[in-house]
Protein backbone atom coordinates (compact mmCIF):
# COMPACT_ATOMS: atom_id res chain seq x y z
CA UNK A 1 49.85 60.82 116.46
CA UNK A 2 49.38 62.96 119.55
CA UNK A 3 46.09 62.50 121.36
CA UNK A 4 44.48 63.68 124.58
CA UNK A 5 41.60 62.36 126.64
CA UNK A 6 38.72 64.84 126.87
CA UNK A 7 36.65 65.47 129.99
CA UNK A 8 33.22 63.94 129.34
CA UNK A 9 30.19 62.85 131.39
CA UNK A 10 30.08 59.37 132.88
CA UNK A 11 29.40 56.70 130.26
CA UNK A 12 30.98 58.67 127.41
CA UNK A 13 34.65 58.60 126.43
CA UNK A 14 36.27 61.03 123.99
CA UNK A 15 39.75 61.75 122.62
CA UNK A 16 41.18 64.46 120.39
CA UNK A 17 44.07 63.60 118.10
CA UNK A 18 46.04 65.47 115.48
CA UNK A 19 48.69 64.62 112.95
CA UNK A 20 48.89 66.27 109.51
CA UNK A 21 50.78 63.25 108.14
CA UNK A 22 48.06 60.70 108.95
CA UNK A 23 44.94 60.34 106.80
CA UNK A 24 41.63 61.09 108.48
CA UNK A 25 40.49 57.44 108.42
CA UNK A 26 43.66 56.32 110.21
CA UNK A 27 43.21 59.01 112.91
CA UNK A 28 39.61 57.88 113.47
CA UNK A 29 40.62 54.24 113.88
CA UNK A 30 43.55 55.00 116.20
CA UNK A 31 41.42 57.16 118.50
CA UNK A 32 38.54 54.67 118.51
CA UNK A 33 40.95 51.82 119.32
CA UNK A 34 42.43 53.83 122.23
CA UNK A 35 38.97 54.61 123.63
CA UNK A 36 37.62 51.06 123.35
CA UNK A 37 40.79 49.53 124.85
CA UNK A 38 40.69 51.94 127.80
CA UNK A 39 36.96 51.33 128.31
CA UNK A 40 37.43 47.55 128.33
CA UNK A 41 40.74 47.58 130.20
CA UNK A 42 42.55 45.64 127.47
CA UNK A 43 45.57 46.14 125.23
CA UNK A 44 44.94 48.30 122.15
CA UNK A 45 46.30 45.53 119.89
CA UNK A 46 43.35 43.33 120.89
CA UNK A 47 40.85 45.84 119.43
CA UNK A 48 40.00 45.79 115.75
CA UNK A 49 38.22 48.82 114.32
CA UNK A 50 36.19 48.24 111.17
CA UNK A 51 33.97 50.37 109.00
CA UNK A 52 30.48 49.19 108.14
CA UNK A 53 29.73 48.56 104.49
CA UNK A 54 27.88 51.42 102.77
CA UNK A 55 24.18 50.64 102.32
CA UNK A 56 23.84 52.98 99.34
CA UNK A 57 25.57 55.83 97.55
CA UNK A 58 26.07 58.77 99.90
CA UNK A 59 25.63 56.59 103.01
CA UNK A 60 27.90 57.74 105.84
CA UNK A 61 29.47 54.65 107.31
CA UNK A 62 30.06 54.20 111.03
CA UNK A 63 32.98 52.56 112.78
CA UNK A 64 32.53 49.52 115.00
CA UNK A 65 34.92 47.65 117.27
CA UNK A 66 35.63 43.93 117.50
CA UNK A 67 37.52 42.02 120.16
CA UNK A 68 38.30 38.35 119.54
CA UNK A 69 35.98 38.35 116.53
CA UNK A 70 32.95 39.67 118.45
CA UNK A 71 31.45 43.11 118.00
CA UNK A 72 31.80 45.34 121.05
CA UNK A 73 28.45 46.90 122.08
CA UNK A 74 29.55 50.53 121.86
CA UNK A 75 28.65 53.31 119.46
CA UNK A 76 31.61 55.17 117.94
CA UNK A 77 31.21 58.73 116.64
CA UNK A 78 33.90 60.84 115.00
CA UNK A 79 34.40 64.29 113.54
CA UNK A 80 37.41 65.62 111.65
CA UNK A 81 38.61 68.99 110.51
CA UNK A 82 41.90 69.40 108.65
CA UNK A 83 44.61 67.53 110.62
CA UNK A 84 42.51 66.94 113.75
CA UNK A 85 39.98 64.28 114.67
CA UNK A 86 37.80 63.76 117.71
CA UNK A 87 36.26 60.39 118.56
CA UNK A 88 33.69 59.44 121.20
CA UNK A 89 32.24 56.16 122.44
CA UNK A 90 29.15 55.34 124.50
CA UNK A 91 26.50 52.68 124.96
CA UNK A 92 24.54 52.17 121.73
CA UNK A 93 21.28 53.44 123.28
CA UNK A 94 22.76 56.92 123.81
CA UNK A 95 22.48 59.30 120.87
CA UNK A 96 25.75 61.19 120.36
CA UNK A 97 26.91 63.88 118.00
CA UNK A 98 30.25 65.65 117.62
CA UNK A 99 31.51 68.69 115.80
CA UNK A 100 35.07 69.93 115.43
CA UNK A 101 36.23 73.29 114.03
CA UNK A 102 39.36 75.42 113.98
CA UNK A 103 39.05 78.31 116.47
CA UNK A 104 40.39 80.62 113.75
CA UNK A 105 38.29 79.76 110.69
CA UNK A 106 39.33 80.92 107.26
CA UNK A 107 37.16 83.26 105.19
CA UNK A 108 35.52 80.46 103.20
CA UNK A 109 34.49 78.60 106.37
CA UNK A 110 33.15 81.79 107.94
CA UNK A 111 31.18 82.57 104.80
CA UNK A 112 29.59 79.11 104.87
CA UNK A 113 28.63 79.47 108.55
CA UNK A 114 27.14 82.92 107.99
CA UNK A 115 25.24 81.81 104.90
CA UNK A 116 23.56 78.91 106.73
CA UNK A 117 23.24 80.29 110.25
CA UNK A 118 21.29 83.54 109.69
CA UNK A 119 21.47 84.19 113.43
CA UNK A 120 24.43 86.42 114.20
CA UNK A 121 25.93 89.58 112.88
CA UNK A 122 29.12 89.02 110.93
CA UNK A 123 31.44 90.65 113.45
CA UNK A 124 30.95 88.23 116.34
CA UNK A 125 33.05 85.26 115.21
CA UNK A 126 33.36 83.52 118.62
CA UNK A 127 29.58 83.58 119.08
CA UNK A 128 29.04 82.33 115.53
CA UNK A 129 31.52 79.47 116.08
CA UNK A 130 29.89 78.48 119.38
CA UNK A 131 26.46 78.48 117.78
CA UNK A 132 27.59 76.65 114.63
CA UNK A 133 29.40 73.81 116.42
CA UNK A 134 26.43 73.22 118.71
CA UNK A 135 23.99 73.15 115.80
CA UNK A 136 26.19 70.71 113.89
CA UNK A 137 26.58 68.42 116.92
CA UNK A 138 22.79 68.31 117.38
CA UNK A 139 22.32 67.47 113.68
CA UNK A 140 24.80 64.61 114.01
CA UNK A 141 23.21 63.27 117.21
CA UNK A 142 19.79 63.36 115.54
CA UNK A 143 21.08 61.02 112.85
CA UNK A 144 19.64 62.86 109.87
CA UNK A 145 22.70 65.10 109.52
CA UNK A 146 22.57 67.32 106.44
CA UNK A 147 18.94 66.43 105.76
CA UNK A 148 18.06 68.84 108.59
CA UNK A 149 18.68 72.49 107.78
CA UNK A 150 20.96 74.18 110.34
CA UNK A 151 18.44 76.96 111.02
CA UNK A 152 15.85 74.33 112.02
CA UNK A 153 17.91 73.34 115.09
CA UNK A 154 16.94 75.11 118.31
CA UNK A 155 19.25 76.00 121.19
CA UNK A 156 18.27 77.32 124.61
CA UNK A 157 19.53 80.78 125.61
CA UNK A 158 22.54 79.37 127.47
CA UNK A 159 23.40 77.14 124.48
CA UNK A 160 23.67 74.16 126.82
CA UNK A 161 20.69 72.29 125.33
CA UNK A 162 19.59 71.71 121.77
CA UNK A 163 16.76 70.00 119.90
CA UNK A 164 15.00 69.66 116.58
CA UNK A 165 11.32 70.62 116.91
CA UNK A 166 9.86 67.63 115.05
CA UNK A 167 11.35 65.11 117.52
CA UNK A 168 10.87 64.81 121.30
CA UNK A 169 14.59 64.30 122.03
CA UNK A 170 16.65 67.00 123.74
CA UNK A 171 20.44 67.01 123.78
CA UNK A 172 22.83 68.33 126.37
CA UNK A 173 25.63 70.31 124.75
CA UNK A 174 29.12 70.17 126.19
CA UNK A 175 32.08 72.27 125.15
CA UNK A 176 35.18 70.04 124.89
CA UNK A 177 37.35 72.68 123.18
CA UNK A 178 41.07 72.27 123.48
CA UNK A 179 44.37 73.24 121.84
CA UNK A 180 42.85 75.73 119.37
CA UNK A 181 39.98 73.44 118.36
CA UNK A 182 36.31 74.14 119.04
CA UNK A 183 34.72 70.81 119.95
CA UNK A 184 31.09 70.25 120.88
CA UNK A 185 29.55 67.03 122.15
CA UNK A 186 25.76 66.60 121.95
CA UNK A 187 24.27 63.72 123.90
CA UNK A 188 20.73 62.62 124.57
CA UNK A 189 19.05 64.17 127.56
CA UNK A 190 15.51 63.25 128.62
CA UNK A 191 14.73 66.66 130.16
């Protein structure tokens, strides 16, 4: 699988990888292993990536890393779209969210975005994509995901900050787009 390191703020590591022959779960684990190994300065073979057991039906499991049988204190977040996956790591106290989309969405994907966004006219696809990926990244960072309606998420005019009105947390939004993929990272910001 090909992968590239993405330019992120200090304390956050992220990689984008793509391979149509690899299943999504394998891509997630490979990228997470690369990030954790680089963060710890160890060989990738020493890192074991596991998936937590589902707590209930519909529970979205998270990945965690182990080295020598001990859990590594890092949060791992991933997002996938078709043959691409992006993974990020950070300290567990930092809330992170990711979203990944094709820069040339098909008609069905565009229709879904338009149906749930209600914010842009149908002809401005780049603006709709920018808005949509930021909204999705904020929803993921919040932790409630699909339980929060997309139109409930607020973005500032520059689309560099996002929040959900019923919580005091604000997220910085960073565009990590690369190689035809629209990638947004949302991370907790006290301001």
